């Protein structure tokens, strides 16, 4: 347009000059006309190009809007993977272990003599006959004492592997999952010999949390939907839960919080759901939140591993309900309360193990005991609902950096458990012993248990950390911590005291670090972590309390290297 305007001025200037002849003037007019036509064509071309650019821009905006809103296939929206690999070696030393002598264990395989019971054994007797013989032996002082022995494994190396998966679909929907494996070097059998602990059974609650061969297991997989209701953040989650290694386990693992329930009462793989309300703004309390939790601990009907022909109605599903209340959390100090209730817990879980002997209850009411000399694998399943369980824990955590200038962390967890037995187990072995939920000899009484768990971490040179932890459990203390990452058994299930110390030295930040650790278990009562049978003071047990080995004291020395990214 500027060129047209200049040409116009140019023409006006020359047309106003009388020096131009008429012929020259005509030539000039024709040239100006051609120039004007050329400029008009050029203007149309420019406008056409502008329209094409506008259409292309609209197309780009359309495609961008389509990708952003409906397909979301950017790199950040796909599944991101994280890997944790740990190599760890343990030295285990068991002292003053007790076990029933062969004189008693052989009685289970010796035929019952109805004429002279003292000259026979238990095999082939009915419930009244066997229990009568045991009572007579106790009255006569004929039950032999348990035998003591020591055991050790000076070098027990393990590998643990986590493949963490995360995906953010949009601002409201995300996914979290983990595949895991945990094995002892040189052993991929996946099935343990049963020594009386739930950890010896490969079951749904511990498949990847304690060593079970080289099988990759699904430890967690759940979606999380988040939104707001009346300006209150609300989230709903469904799937295999993040229910292992919860607070305050993160200190000893040199990690962030890994699970939702407090590990002092629940450290167990299970499936379920949660509904969380963020109450920080509503209550004006830093970090305030309230979460409802549900879990299915055991599926009792057809559709799991039961046969379609199974008609038993004695064992229903085991449901667990709980709440987690974050009372305060300002990223420096926090207070959390966790309560859980389980209905109709069972006398075991479906799983695989190698039993030392096989108890069978025959149709005529007699019992047969067969030694498992071949080490055959048994499929275990619960047969009885034995009662209800309640657990509660209150956790305080704080970092003293702001108050003292020292980067010191400490925590304290106080916990309570309550068991309310409903009946004796109908498992042949436990039925003979009259055992139910933390009860024996048919004495079904409700019991309360208590636990204390405390720890402190100190900063050390080269960004290292030195930690000390202590926990104690009372006579009737019982929790669900069978998935605790502990070779010698869950320390937080102990009826007695456990002392632990560890030194964590980063090599490449927290992505690659060395840990040296020590645990000392000092049990006071039998059956830690086992819901069946009344606890017995270890100093007072007889061989009937030691059909399975009874552990008194354990040293667990360990060294590990962990890579995490």
Protein backbone atom coordinates (compact mmCIF):
# COMPACT_ATOMS: atom_id res chain seq x y z
CA UNK A 1 0.00 0.00 0.00
CA UNK A 2 2.88 2.30 0.72
CA UNK A 3 4.15 1.73 -2.87
CA UNK A 4 0.74 2.58 -4.38
CA UNK A 5 0.63 5.78 -2.36
CA UNK A 6 4.13 6.76 -3.52
CA UNK A 7 3.21 6.10 -7.16
CA UNK A 8 0.11 8.21 -6.74
CA UNK A 9 2.15 11.15 -5.45
CA UNK A 10 4.66 10.59 -8.21
CA UNK A 11 1.91 10.74 -10.86
CA UNK A 12 0.38 13.86 -9.39
CA UNK A 13 3.75 15.59 -9.42
CA UNK A 14 4.46 14.81 -13.04
CA UNK A 15 0.92 15.46 -14.28
CA UNK A 16 1.07 18.92 -12.81
CA UNK A 17 4.15 19.78 -14.89
CA UNK A 18 3.44 21.51 -18.28
CA UNK A 19 6.75 20.28 -19.71
CA UNK A 20 5.32 16.88 -20.56
CA UNK A 21 3.98 16.40 -24.06
CA UNK A 22 0.58 14.81 -24.67
CA UNK A 23 2.13 11.63 -26.10
CA UNK A 24 4.43 11.21 -23.14
CA UNK A 25 1.51 11.81 -20.88
CA UNK A 26 -0.44 8.99 -22.50
CA UNK A 27 2.48 6.59 -22.14
CA UNK A 28 2.80 7.51 -18.49
CA UNK A 29 -0.90 6.87 -17.91
CA UNK A 30 -0.63 3.38 -19.41
CA UNK A 31 2.40 2.56 -17.26
CA UNK A 32 0.62 3.75 -14.15
CA UNK A 33 -2.42 1.67 -15.06
CA UNK A 34 -0.27 -1.46 -15.45
CA UNK A 35 1.46 -0.71 -12.15
CA UNK A 36 -1.87 -0.28 -10.43
CA UNK A 37 -3.08 -3.64 -11.76
CA UNK A 38 0.15 -5.28 -10.62
CA UNK A 39 -0.23 -3.81 -7.12
CA UNK A 40 -3.84 -4.99 -6.92
CA UNK A 41 -2.77 -8.53 -7.87
CA UNK A 42 0.00 -8.38 -5.29
CA UNK A 43 -2.45 -7.22 -2.62
CA UNK A 44 -4.80 -10.13 -3.41
CA UNK A 45 -1.86 -12.56 -3.15
CA UNK A 46 -0.92 -11.16 0.27
CA UNK A 47 -4.50 -11.47 1.50
CA UNK A 48 -4.67 -15.04 0.16
CA UNK A 49 -1.47 -15.97 2.02
CA UNK A 50 -2.80 -14.42 5.23
CA UNK A 51 -5.98 -16.50 4.93
CA UNK A 52 -3.93 -19.66 4.36
CA UNK A 53 -1.79 -18.92 7.44
CA UNK A 54 -4.93 -18.35 9.47
CA UNK A 55 -6.35 -21.71 8.37
CA UNK A 56 -3.05 -23.44 9.18
CA UNK A 57 -2.98 -21.78 12.61
CA UNK A 58 -6.54 -22.90 13.30
CA UNK A 59 -5.59 -26.45 12.23
CA UNK A 60 -2.61 -26.46 14.60
CA UNK A 61 -4.77 -25.15 17.44
CA UNK A 62 -7.37 -27.83 16.70
CA UNK A 63 -4.81 -30.63 16.73
CA UNK A 64 -3.19 -29.28 19.89
CA UNK A 65 -6.56 -29.03 21.61
CA UNK A 66 -7.41 -32.58 20.52
CA UNK A 67 -4.15 -34.00 21.87
CA UNK A 68 -4.34 -32.06 25.15
CA UNK A 69 -7.93 -32.95 25.93
CA UNK A 70 -8.63 -36.41 24.55
CA UNK A 71 -5.44 -38.29 23.85
CA UNK A 72 -2.84 -37.00 26.34
CA UNK A 73 0.03 -38.92 24.79
CA UNK A 74 2.89 -36.72 25.91
CA UNK A 75 5.88 -38.30 27.61
CA UNK A 76 4.87 -37.04 31.05
CA UNK A 77 1.41 -38.64 30.73
CA UNK A 78 2.69 -42.13 30.00
CA UNK A 79 3.78 -44.59 32.67
CA UNK A 80 7.04 -43.57 34.31
CA UNK A 81 9.18 -46.33 35.77
CA UNK A 82 11.39 -46.38 38.83
CA UNK A 83 13.70 -49.18 39.91
CA UNK A 84 14.99 -50.17 43.34
CA UNK A 85 17.51 -52.98 43.63
CA UNK A 86 19.07 -54.08 46.92
CA UNK A 87 21.72 -56.65 47.69
CA UNK A 88 21.88 -57.52 51.39
CA UNK A 89 23.79 -60.02 53.50
CA UNK A 90 22.74 -61.22 56.97
CA UNK A 91 24.50 -63.03 59.78
CA UNK A 92 21.94 -64.72 62.03
CA UNK A 93 22.60 -66.12 65.50
CA UNK A 94 19.81 -67.85 67.46
CA UNK A 95 20.44 -68.69 71.11
CA UNK A 96 18.45 -70.76 73.62
CA UNK A 97 15.93 -72.01 71.08
CA UNK A 98 13.61 -74.68 72.46
CA UNK A 99 11.89 -77.57 70.73
CA UNK A 100 9.97 -80.65 71.84
CA UNK A 101 12.12 -83.80 72.16
CA UNK A 102 11.52 -86.72 69.85
CA UNK A 103 9.99 -88.65 72.77
CA UNK A 104 7.00 -86.30 72.56
CA UNK A 105 6.81 -85.67 68.81
CA UNK A 106 6.86 -89.43 68.15
CA UNK A 107 3.71 -89.72 70.26
CA UNK A 108 1.78 -88.12 67.40
CA UNK A 109 2.77 -91.03 65.15
CA UNK A 110 2.35 -93.80 67.77
CA UNK A 111 -1.05 -95.58 67.81
CA UNK A 112 -3.41 -94.70 70.64
CA UNK A 113 -3.94 -97.51 73.17
CA UNK A 114 -7.48 -97.29 74.62
CA UNK A 115 -6.71 -99.98 77.22
CA UNK A 116 -3.50 -98.47 78.56
CA UNK A 117 -3.29 -94.89 77.20
CA UNK A 118 0.08 -94.18 78.87
CA UNK A 119 1.68 -96.95 76.82
CA UNK A 120 0.51 -95.54 73.49
CA UNK A 121 0.46 -92.28 71.58
CA UNK A 122 -2.06 -89.93 69.98
CA UNK A 123 -2.41 -91.44 66.50
CA UNK A 124 -5.90 -92.84 65.91
CA UNK A 125 -7.46 -91.39 69.05
CA UNK A 126 -10.47 -89.09 69.09
CA UNK A 127 -10.53 -85.59 70.55
CA UNK A 128 -11.66 -86.65 74.03
CA UNK A 129 -9.10 -89.45 74.22
CA UNK A 130 -6.14 -87.34 73.07
CA UNK A 131 -6.98 -84.36 75.27
CA UNK A 132 -7.56 -86.70 78.22
CA UNK A 133 -4.14 -88.30 77.70
CA UNK A 134 -2.44 -84.89 77.51
CA UNK A 135 -4.19 -83.77 80.72
CA UNK A 136 -3.17 -86.98 82.50
CA UNK A 137 0.44 -86.53 81.37
CA UNK A 138 0.43 -82.95 82.70
CA UNK A 139 -1.03 -84.04 86.05
CA UNK A 140 1.54 -86.82 86.39
CA UNK A 141 4.41 -84.54 85.41
CA UNK A 142 5.07 -86.79 82.42
CA UNK A 143 5.37 -84.03 79.83
CA UNK A 144 9.11 -83.81 79.14
CA UNK A 145 10.92 -80.46 79.16
CA UNK A 146 11.79 -78.83 75.86
CA UNK A 147 15.30 -79.23 74.54
CA UNK A 148 17.51 -76.16 74.08
CA UNK A 149 19.88 -75.54 71.21
CA UNK A 150 21.59 -72.75 69.27
CA UNK A 151 21.48 -72.14 65.53
CA UNK A 152 23.25 -69.79 63.14
CA UNK A 153 23.70 -68.81 59.54
CA UNK A 154 26.78 -66.64 59.21
CA UNK A 155 26.20 -65.66 55.58
CA UNK A 156 22.70 -65.31 54.15
CA UNK A 157 22.69 -63.04 51.06
CA UNK A 158 19.45 -61.80 49.48
CA UNK A 159 18.27 -59.77 46.49
CA UNK A 160 15.25 -57.49 46.57
CA UNK A 161 13.80 -55.83 43.49
CA UNK A 162 11.07 -53.21 43.00
CA UNK A 163 9.73 -51.92 39.69
CA UNK A 164 7.62 -48.86 40.49
CA UNK A 165 5.07 -47.58 37.98
CA UNK A 166 3.33 -44.20 37.94
CA UNK A 167 1.03 -42.52 35.44
CA UNK A 168 -0.85 -39.24 35.45
CA UNK A 169 -3.81 -39.43 33.08
CA UNK A 170 -4.93 -35.87 33.87
CA UNK A 171 -5.17 -33.57 36.88
CA UNK A 172 -7.86 -35.78 38.42
CA UNK A 173 -6.78 -39.33 37.64
CA UNK A 174 -3.53 -41.19 38.27
CA UNK A 175 -2.20 -44.73 38.62
CA UNK A 176 0.40 -46.25 40.91
CA UNK A 177 1.78 -49.78 40.86
CA UNK A 178 4.69 -51.95 41.92
CA UNK A 179 6.07 -55.30 40.82
CA UNK A 180 8.42 -56.92 43.31
CA UNK A 181 10.61 -59.94 43.94
CA UNK A 182 12.60 -60.97 47.02
CA UNK A 183 14.85 -64.02 47.04
CA UNK A 184 17.66 -65.67 48.93
CA UNK A 185 20.77 -66.32 46.86
CA UNK A 186 20.85 -69.86 45.56
CA UNK A 187 17.19 -70.58 46.40
CA UNK A 188 14.19 -70.08 44.13
CA UNK A 189 11.87 -72.72 45.56
CA UNK A 190 9.44 -70.11 46.86
CA UNK A 191 8.06 -72.51 49.50
CA UNK A 192 9.35 -72.65 53.08
CA UNK A 193 9.33 -75.37 55.73
CA UNK A 194 6.76 -74.42 58.35
CA UNK A 195 8.22 -73.62 61.77
CA UNK A 196 5.03 -72.16 63.23
CA UNK A 197 5.15 -68.66 61.75
CA UNK A 198 2.80 -67.07 59.20
CA UNK A 199 5.94 -65.93 57.41
CA UNK A 200 6.61 -69.60 56.58
CA UNK A 201 3.47 -69.74 54.44
CA UNK A 202 3.50 -68.23 50.95
CA UNK A 203 0.23 -66.32 51.08
CA UNK A 204 -1.45 -63.25 49.63
CA UNK A 205 -0.24 -60.94 52.39
CA UNK A 206 3.50 -61.53 52.03
CA UNK A 207 4.29 -62.82 48.51
CA UNK A 208 6.92 -60.18 47.72
CA UNK A 209 7.66 -58.71 51.15
CA UNK A 210 9.60 -61.65 52.57
CA UNK A 211 11.89 -64.00 50.56
CA UNK A 212 9.82 -66.27 48.32
CA UNK A 213 11.96 -67.21 45.34
CA UNK A 214 12.48 -65.37 42.05
CA UNK A 215 8.79 -64.91 41.18
CA UNK A 216 7.74 -61.38 40.21
CA UNK A 217 4.62 -60.52 42.24
CA UNK A 218 2.10 -57.71 42.14
CA UNK A 219 2.65 -55.84 45.39
CA UNK A 220 0.43 -52.86 44.61
CA UNK A 221 -1.72 -51.55 41.74
CA UNK A 222 -4.41 -48.92 42.22
CA UNK A 223 -5.93 -45.84 40.64
CA UNK A 224 -6.46 -42.54 42.44
CA UNK A 225 -9.28 -40.18 41.46
CA UNK A 226 -9.10 -36.69 42.97
CA UNK A 227 -11.52 -33.77 42.94
CA UNK A 228 -12.98 -31.13 45.24
CA UNK A 229 -16.34 -31.01 47.02
CA UNK A 230 -17.23 -27.59 48.45
CA UNK A 231 -13.56 -26.64 48.17
CA UNK A 232 -12.50 -29.74 50.18
CA UNK A 233 -9.99 -31.96 48.32
CA UNK A 234 -11.38 -35.49 48.06
CA UNK A 235 -9.67 -38.56 46.62
CA UNK A 236 -10.88 -42.11 46.03
CA UNK A 237 -8.64 -45.10 45.41
CA UNK A 238 -9.34 -48.71 44.52
CA UNK A 239 -7.06 -51.71 43.91
CA UNK A 240 -4.13 -53.51 45.54
CA UNK A 241 -3.21 -51.16 48.34
CA UNK A 242 0.01 -49.33 49.29
CA UNK A 243 -0.19 -51.06 52.67
CA UNK A 244 3.42 -52.10 53.32
CA UNK A 245 6.34 -50.23 54.91
CA UNK A 246 4.18 -47.39 56.22
CA UNK A 247 5.26 -44.74 58.76
CA UNK A 248 7.64 -44.64 60.55
CA UNK A 249 9.51 -47.37 58.60
CA UNK A 250 10.84 -44.77 56.15
CA UNK A 251 13.63 -43.72 58.54
CA UNK A 252 15.38 -47.08 58.53
CA UNK A 253 14.80 -47.54 54.80
CA UNK A 254 16.22 -44.12 53.89
CA UNK A 255 13.14 -43.39 51.81
CA UNK A 256 9.95 -41.37 51.68
CA UNK A 257 6.75 -42.75 53.19
CA UNK A 258 6.06 -45.96 51.30
CA UNK A 259 2.68 -47.03 52.68
CA UNK A 260 -0.53 -45.63 54.08
CA UNK A 261 -1.36 -47.45 57.37
CA UNK A 262 0.98 -47.09 60.33
CA UNK A 263 3.43 -49.98 60.26
CA UNK A 264 3.11 -50.43 64.02
CA UNK A 265 -0.26 -52.18 63.51
CA UNK A 266 -0.52 -53.04 59.78
CA UNK A 267 2.24 -54.07 57.39
CA UNK A 268 0.47 -56.48 55.09
CA UNK A 269 -0.29 -56.75 51.38
CA UNK A 270 -4.02 -56.60 50.72
CA UNK A 271 -6.66 -55.40 48.28
CA UNK A 272 -9.23 -52.74 49.04
CA UNK A 273 -10.21 -49.09 48.78
CA UNK A 274 -9.78 -45.72 50.46
CA UNK A 275 -11.60 -42.38 50.60
CA UNK A 276 -9.56 -39.38 51.74
CA UNK A 277 -10.60 -35.85 52.71
CA UNK A 278 -8.05 -33.02 52.83
CA UNK A 279 -9.11 -30.82 55.74
CA UNK A 280 -6.19 -28.41 55.98
CA UNK A 281 -8.07 -25.36 54.64
CA UNK A 282 -11.39 -26.23 56.27
CA UNK A 283 -9.90 -26.68 59.76
CA UNK A 284 -6.96 -24.30 59.34
CA UNK A 285 -4.68 -27.08 60.63
CA UNK A 286 -1.51 -27.81 58.64
CA UNK A 287 -1.74 -31.15 56.82
CA UNK A 288 -5.04 -32.18 58.41
CA UNK A 289 -6.68 -35.11 56.60
CA UNK A 290 -9.08 -37.97 57.31
CA UNK A 291 -9.07 -41.25 55.40
CA UNK A 292 -11.49 -44.19 55.42
CA UNK A 293 -9.89 -47.52 54.50
CA UNK A 294 -11.29 -50.92 53.55
CA UNK A 295 -9.48 -54.18 52.89
CA UNK A 296 -10.39 -57.77 52.05
CA UNK A 297 -8.01 -60.02 53.95
CA UNK A 298 -9.41 -63.34 52.76
CA UNK A 299 -11.90 -64.41 50.09
CA UNK A 300 -13.92 -67.30 51.49
CA UNK A 301 -16.12 -68.33 48.57
CA UNK A 302 -15.78 -69.96 45.19
CA UNK A 303 -13.89 -67.78 42.74
CA UNK A 304 -10.65 -67.76 44.70
CA UNK A 305 -8.61 -70.94 45.04
CA UNK A 306 -11.52 -72.96 46.44
CA UNK A 307 -13.20 -75.66 44.40
CA UNK A 308 -16.66 -75.04 42.97
CA UNK A 309 -17.71 -78.18 44.84
CA UNK A 310 -16.76 -76.61 48.17
CA UNK A 311 -19.97 -76.20 50.17
CA UNK A 312 -18.48 -75.06 53.47
CA UNK A 313 -20.14 -71.97 54.93
CA UNK A 314 -18.03 -71.91 58.08
CA UNK A 315 -15.48 -69.43 56.74
CA UNK A 316 -16.73 -66.19 55.24
CA UNK A 317 -14.73 -63.33 53.78
CA UNK A 318 -12.49 -61.44 56.20
CA UNK A 319 -13.27 -57.72 56.01
CA UNK A 320 -11.17 -54.98 57.57
CA UNK A 321 -12.20 -51.37 58.05
CA UNK A 322 -10.08 -48.52 59.35
CA UNK A 323 -9.51 -44.80 59.60
CA UNK A 324 -6.30 -42.79 59.35
CA UNK A 325 -6.44 -39.28 60.80
CA UNK A 326 -3.58 -36.88 60.14
CA UNK A 327 -4.06 -34.53 63.07
CA UNK A 328 -1.16 -32.25 62.20
CA UNK A 329 1.66 -32.15 59.64
CA UNK A 330 3.77 -29.08 58.87
CA UNK A 331 6.55 -31.07 57.13
CA UNK A 332 8.64 -30.74 60.29
CA UNK A 333 6.38 -32.36 62.89
CA UNK A 334 3.35 -34.59 62.52
CA UNK A 335 0.76 -36.48 64.54
CA UNK A 336 -1.18 -39.40 63.03
CA UNK A 337 -3.83 -41.72 64.49
CA UNK A 338 -4.73 -45.07 62.89
CA UNK A 339 -7.56 -47.40 63.94
CA UNK A 340 -8.55 -50.71 62.31
CA UNK A 341 -11.13 -53.42 62.96
CA UNK A 342 -11.29 -56.90 61.40
CA UNK A 343 -14.39 -59.07 61.54
CA UNK A 344 -14.29 -62.86 61.79
CA UNK A 345 -10.57 -63.35 61.28
CA UNK A 346 -9.65 -66.89 60.34
CA UNK A 347 -7.29 -69.54 61.68
CA UNK A 348 -4.90 -68.97 58.81
CA UNK A 349 -4.82 -67.93 55.17
CA UNK A 350 -4.81 -69.78 51.88
CA UNK A 351 -1.22 -70.50 50.92
CA UNK A 352 1.57 -73.02 50.41
CA UNK A 353 4.06 -74.44 52.89
CA UNK A 354 5.96 -77.62 53.79
CA UNK A 355 4.54 -79.04 57.02
CA UNK A 356 6.74 -81.25 59.25
CA UNK A 357 3.74 -83.55 59.66
CA UNK A 358 0.22 -83.77 58.25
CA UNK A 359 -2.72 -83.84 60.73
CA UNK A 360 -5.96 -85.36 59.42
CA UNK A 361 -9.37 -85.54 61.08
CA UNK A 362 -11.21 -88.61 59.85
CA UNK A 363 -14.94 -88.98 59.28
CA UNK A 364 -15.30 -91.08 62.47
CA UNK A 365 -13.79 -88.30 64.61
CA UNK A 366 -10.37 -89.90 65.04
CA UNK A 367 -7.12 -88.13 64.20
CA UNK A 368 -4.29 -89.38 62.04
CA UNK A 369 -0.80 -87.85 62.01
CA UNK A 370 1.60 -88.59 59.18
CA UNK A 371 5.25 -87.46 59.14
CA UNK A 372 6.13 -85.47 56.02
CA UNK A 373 9.44 -87.24 55.42
CA UNK A 374 9.33 -86.42 51.71
CA UNK A 375 9.00 -82.68 52.26
CA UNK A 376 5.82 -82.47 50.21
CA UNK A 377 4.14 -79.10 49.71
CA UNK A 378 0.81 -78.60 51.45
CA UNK A 379 -1.94 -76.22 50.39
CA UNK A 380 -3.17 -74.53 53.55
CA UNK A 381 -6.55 -72.89 53.95
CA UNK A 382 -8.50 -71.63 56.95
CA UNK A 383 -11.31 -73.75 58.32
CA UNK A 384 -12.67 -71.62 61.18
CA UNK A 385 -13.61 -68.05 62.01
CA UNK A 386 -11.96 -67.47 65.37
CA UNK A 387 -13.00 -63.93 66.38
CA UNK A 388 -12.61 -60.18 65.92
CA UNK A 389 -9.58 -57.92 66.18
CA UNK A 390 -9.09 -54.23 66.89
CA UNK A 391 -5.89 -52.24 66.60
CA UNK A 392 -5.01 -48.59 67.15
CA UNK A 393 -1.79 -46.61 66.97
CA UNK A 394 -0.77 -43.00 67.61
CA UNK A 395 2.43 -41.76 65.96
CA UNK A 396 4.39 -38.59 66.72
CA UNK A 397 7.28 -37.54 64.46
CA UNK A 398 9.46 -34.44 64.51
CA UNK A 399 12.62 -32.94 63.06
CA UNK A 400 14.52 -30.75 65.55
CA UNK A 401 16.41 -28.64 63.00
CA UNK A 402 14.31 -25.49 63.45
CA UNK A 403 14.38 -25.70 67.25
CA UNK A 404 17.95 -26.84 67.88
CA UNK A 405 19.83 -26.25 64.65
CA UNK A 406 20.57 -29.99 64.52
CA UNK A 407 19.06 -32.20 61.82
CA UNK A 408 17.82 -34.80 64.32
CA UNK A 409 14.66 -36.85 63.71
CA UNK A 410 12.73 -38.76 66.34
CA UNK A 411 9.45 -40.66 66.48
CA UNK A 412 7.24 -42.37 69.05
CA UNK A 413 4.35 -44.76 68.36
CA UNK A 414 2.02 -46.05 71.08
CA UNK A 415 -0.28 -48.90 70.06
CA UNK A 416 -3.09 -51.07 71.40
CA UNK A 417 -4.67 -54.31 70.23
CA UNK A 418 -7.83 -56.12 71.33
CA UNK A 419 -8.77 -59.71 70.52
CA UNK A 420 -12.24 -61.16 71.08
CA UNK A 421 -12.22 -64.94 70.39
CA UNK A 422 -15.41 -66.63 69.25
CA UNK A 423 -14.51 -70.33 68.95
CA UNK A 424 -11.71 -72.89 68.91
CA UNK A 425 -10.01 -73.61 65.62
CA UNK A 426 -11.21 -76.75 63.85
CA UNK A 427 -7.84 -77.30 62.23
CA UNK A 428 -6.96 -80.81 63.49
CA UNK A 429 -3.74 -79.81 65.25
CA UNK A 430 -5.05 -76.61 66.87
CA UNK A 431 -8.33 -78.29 67.81
CA UNK A 432 -6.45 -80.90 69.84
CA UNK A 433 -4.59 -78.11 71.64
CA UNK A 434 -7.87 -76.26 72.23
CA UNK A 435 -6.47 -73.14 70.61
CA UNK A 436 -8.41 -70.13 69.39
CA UNK A 437 -7.64 -66.44 68.98
CA UNK A 438 -4.86 -65.85 71.55
CA UNK A 439 -6.41 -68.59 73.67
CA UNK A 440 -5.68 -72.20 74.63
CA UNK A 441 -7.40 -75.09 76.38
CA UNK A 442 -10.78 -73.79 75.25
CA UNK A 443 -10.54 -70.67 77.45
CA UNK A 444 -12.00 -68.06 75.06
CA UNK A 445 -11.30 -64.75 76.77
CA UNK A 446 -10.94 -61.25 75.31
CA UNK A 447 -7.47 -59.78 75.74
CA UNK A 448 -5.73 -56.41 75.36
CA UNK A 449 -2.19 -55.95 74.11
CA UNK A 450 0.13 -52.95 74.08
CA UNK A 451 3.18 -51.84 72.14
CA UNK A 452 5.75 -49.05 72.22
CA UNK A 453 7.95 -48.14 69.25
CA UNK A 454 10.50 -45.30 69.35
CA UNK A 455 13.47 -44.14 67.32
CA UNK A 456 15.97 -41.32 66.78
CA UNK A 457 18.27 -40.44 63.84
CA UNK A 458 21.41 -38.33 64.13
CA UNK A 459 23.29 -36.60 61.29
CA UNK A 460 26.84 -37.83 60.73
CA UNK A 461 29.80 -36.66 58.61
CA UNK A 462 29.61 -37.09 54.81
CA UNK A 463 25.79 -36.77 54.91
CA UNK A 464 25.47 -40.10 56.73
CA UNK A 465 22.80 -40.99 59.31
CA UNK A 466 22.99 -42.99 62.53
CA UNK A 467 19.72 -44.45 63.78
CA UNK A 468 18.58 -46.19 66.95
CA UNK A 469 15.19 -47.87 67.36
CA UNK A 470 13.47 -49.79 70.15
CA UNK A 471 10.14 -51.56 70.33
CA UNK A 472 8.35 -53.59 72.97
CA UNK A 473 5.19 -55.69 72.87
CA UNK A 474 3.18 -57.05 75.79
CA UNK A 475 2.00 -60.62 76.44
CA UNK A 476 -1.19 -60.37 74.36
CA UNK A 477 0.10 -57.94 71.74
CA UNK A 478 -1.02 -58.88 68.23
CA UNK A 479 -0.83 -56.96 64.95
CA UNK A 480 -0.81 -57.68 61.21
CA UNK A 481 2.82 -57.03 60.27
CA UNK A 482 3.70 -60.30 58.54
CA UNK A 483 4.92 -58.40 55.44
CA UNK A 484 7.63 -56.57 57.36
CA UNK A 485 10.98 -56.72 55.55
CA UNK A 486 12.76 -58.75 58.24
CA UNK A 487 14.62 -62.04 57.77
CA UNK A 488 14.38 -63.01 61.45
CA UNK A 489 10.68 -62.13 61.69
CA UNK A 490 8.63 -58.99 62.20
CA UNK A 491 10.19 -57.00 65.01
CA UNK A 492 6.98 -54.98 65.49
CA UNK A 493 5.06 -58.20 66.19
CA UNK A 494 7.44 -59.19 68.99
CA UNK A 495 6.09 -60.01 72.44
CA UNK A 496 9.19 -58.76 74.13
CA UNK A 497 11.89 -56.25 73.20
CA UNK A 498 13.80 -55.55 69.99
CA UNK A 499 16.79 -53.22 69.76
CA UNK A 500 18.00 -51.93 66.39
CA UNK A 501 20.76 -49.62 65.18
CA UNK A 502 21.86 -48.74 61.65
CA UNK A 503 24.31 -46.51 59.82
CA UNK A 504 23.34 -45.19 56.37
CA UNK A 505 26.07 -43.76 54.13
CA UNK A 506 25.02 -42.15 50.82
CA UNK A 507 27.42 -42.81 47.94
CA UNK A 508 25.48 -41.03 45.19
CA UNK A 509 22.91 -39.02 47.13
CA UNK A 510 19.91 -41.24 48.00
CA UNK A 511 20.15 -43.04 44.66
CA UNK A 512 22.99 -45.30 45.80
CA UNK A 513 23.76 -45.90 49.47
CA UNK A 514 25.28 -48.34 51.95
CA UNK A 515 23.56 -49.49 55.14
CA UNK A 516 25.05 -51.38 58.08
CA UNK A 517 22.52 -52.71 60.58
CA UNK A 518 22.07 -54.68 63.78
CA UNK A 519 18.94 -56.09 65.43
CA UNK A 520 18.67 -57.90 68.73
CA UNK A 521 15.42 -59.75 69.50
CA UNK A 522 14.69 -60.65 73.13
CA UNK A 523 11.34 -62.46 73.23
CA UNK A 524 9.42 -62.82 76.51
CA UNK A 525 6.40 -64.82 75.30
CA UNK A 526 5.69 -67.40 72.61
CA UNK A 527 3.71 -66.94 69.42
CA UNK A 528 4.74 -63.45 68.29
CA UNK A 529 2.73 -62.55 65.18
CA UNK A 530 0.59 -65.70 65.42
CA UNK A 531 -3.13 -65.32 66.25
CA UNK A 532 -3.53 -68.90 67.47
CA UNK A 533 -2.82 -70.02 71.02
CA UNK A 534 -2.37 -68.22 74.31
CA UNK A 535 1.12 -66.75 74.79
CA UNK A 536 3.32 -68.62 77.26
CA UNK A 537 6.25 -67.10 79.10
CA UNK A 538 9.35 -68.52 77.42
CA UNK A 539 11.03 -69.28 80.72
CA UNK A 540 8.04 -71.49 81.67
CA UNK A 541 7.30 -73.49 78.51
CA UNK A 542 7.16 -77.28 78.26
CA UNK A 543 7.53 -79.46 75.20
CA UNK A 544 3.83 -79.19 74.28
CA UNK A 545 4.41 -75.45 73.79
CA UNK A 546 7.41 -76.23 71.59
CA UNK A 547 6.04 -78.59 68.93
CA UNK A 548 7.33 -75.86 66.62
CA UNK A 549 10.67 -74.25 67.59
CA UNK A 550 10.38 -71.45 70.14
CA UNK A 551 12.77 -68.54 69.61
CA UNK A 552 14.23 -66.79 72.65
CA UNK A 553 17.03 -64.47 71.47
CA UNK A 554 18.29 -63.53 67.99
CA UNK A 555 21.14 -61.41 66.66
CA UNK A 556 20.71 -60.20 63.07
CA UNK A 557 23.74 -58.39 61.61
CA UNK A 558 23.34 -57.01 58.10
CA UNK A 559 25.04 -55.01 55.35
CA UNK A 560 23.32 -53.82 52.19
CA UNK A 561 23.82 -51.71 49.09
CA UNK A 562 20.75 -50.14 47.51
CA UNK A 563 20.34 -48.50 44.11
CA UNK A 564 17.20 -46.44 43.64
CA UNK A 565 16.16 -44.23 40.74
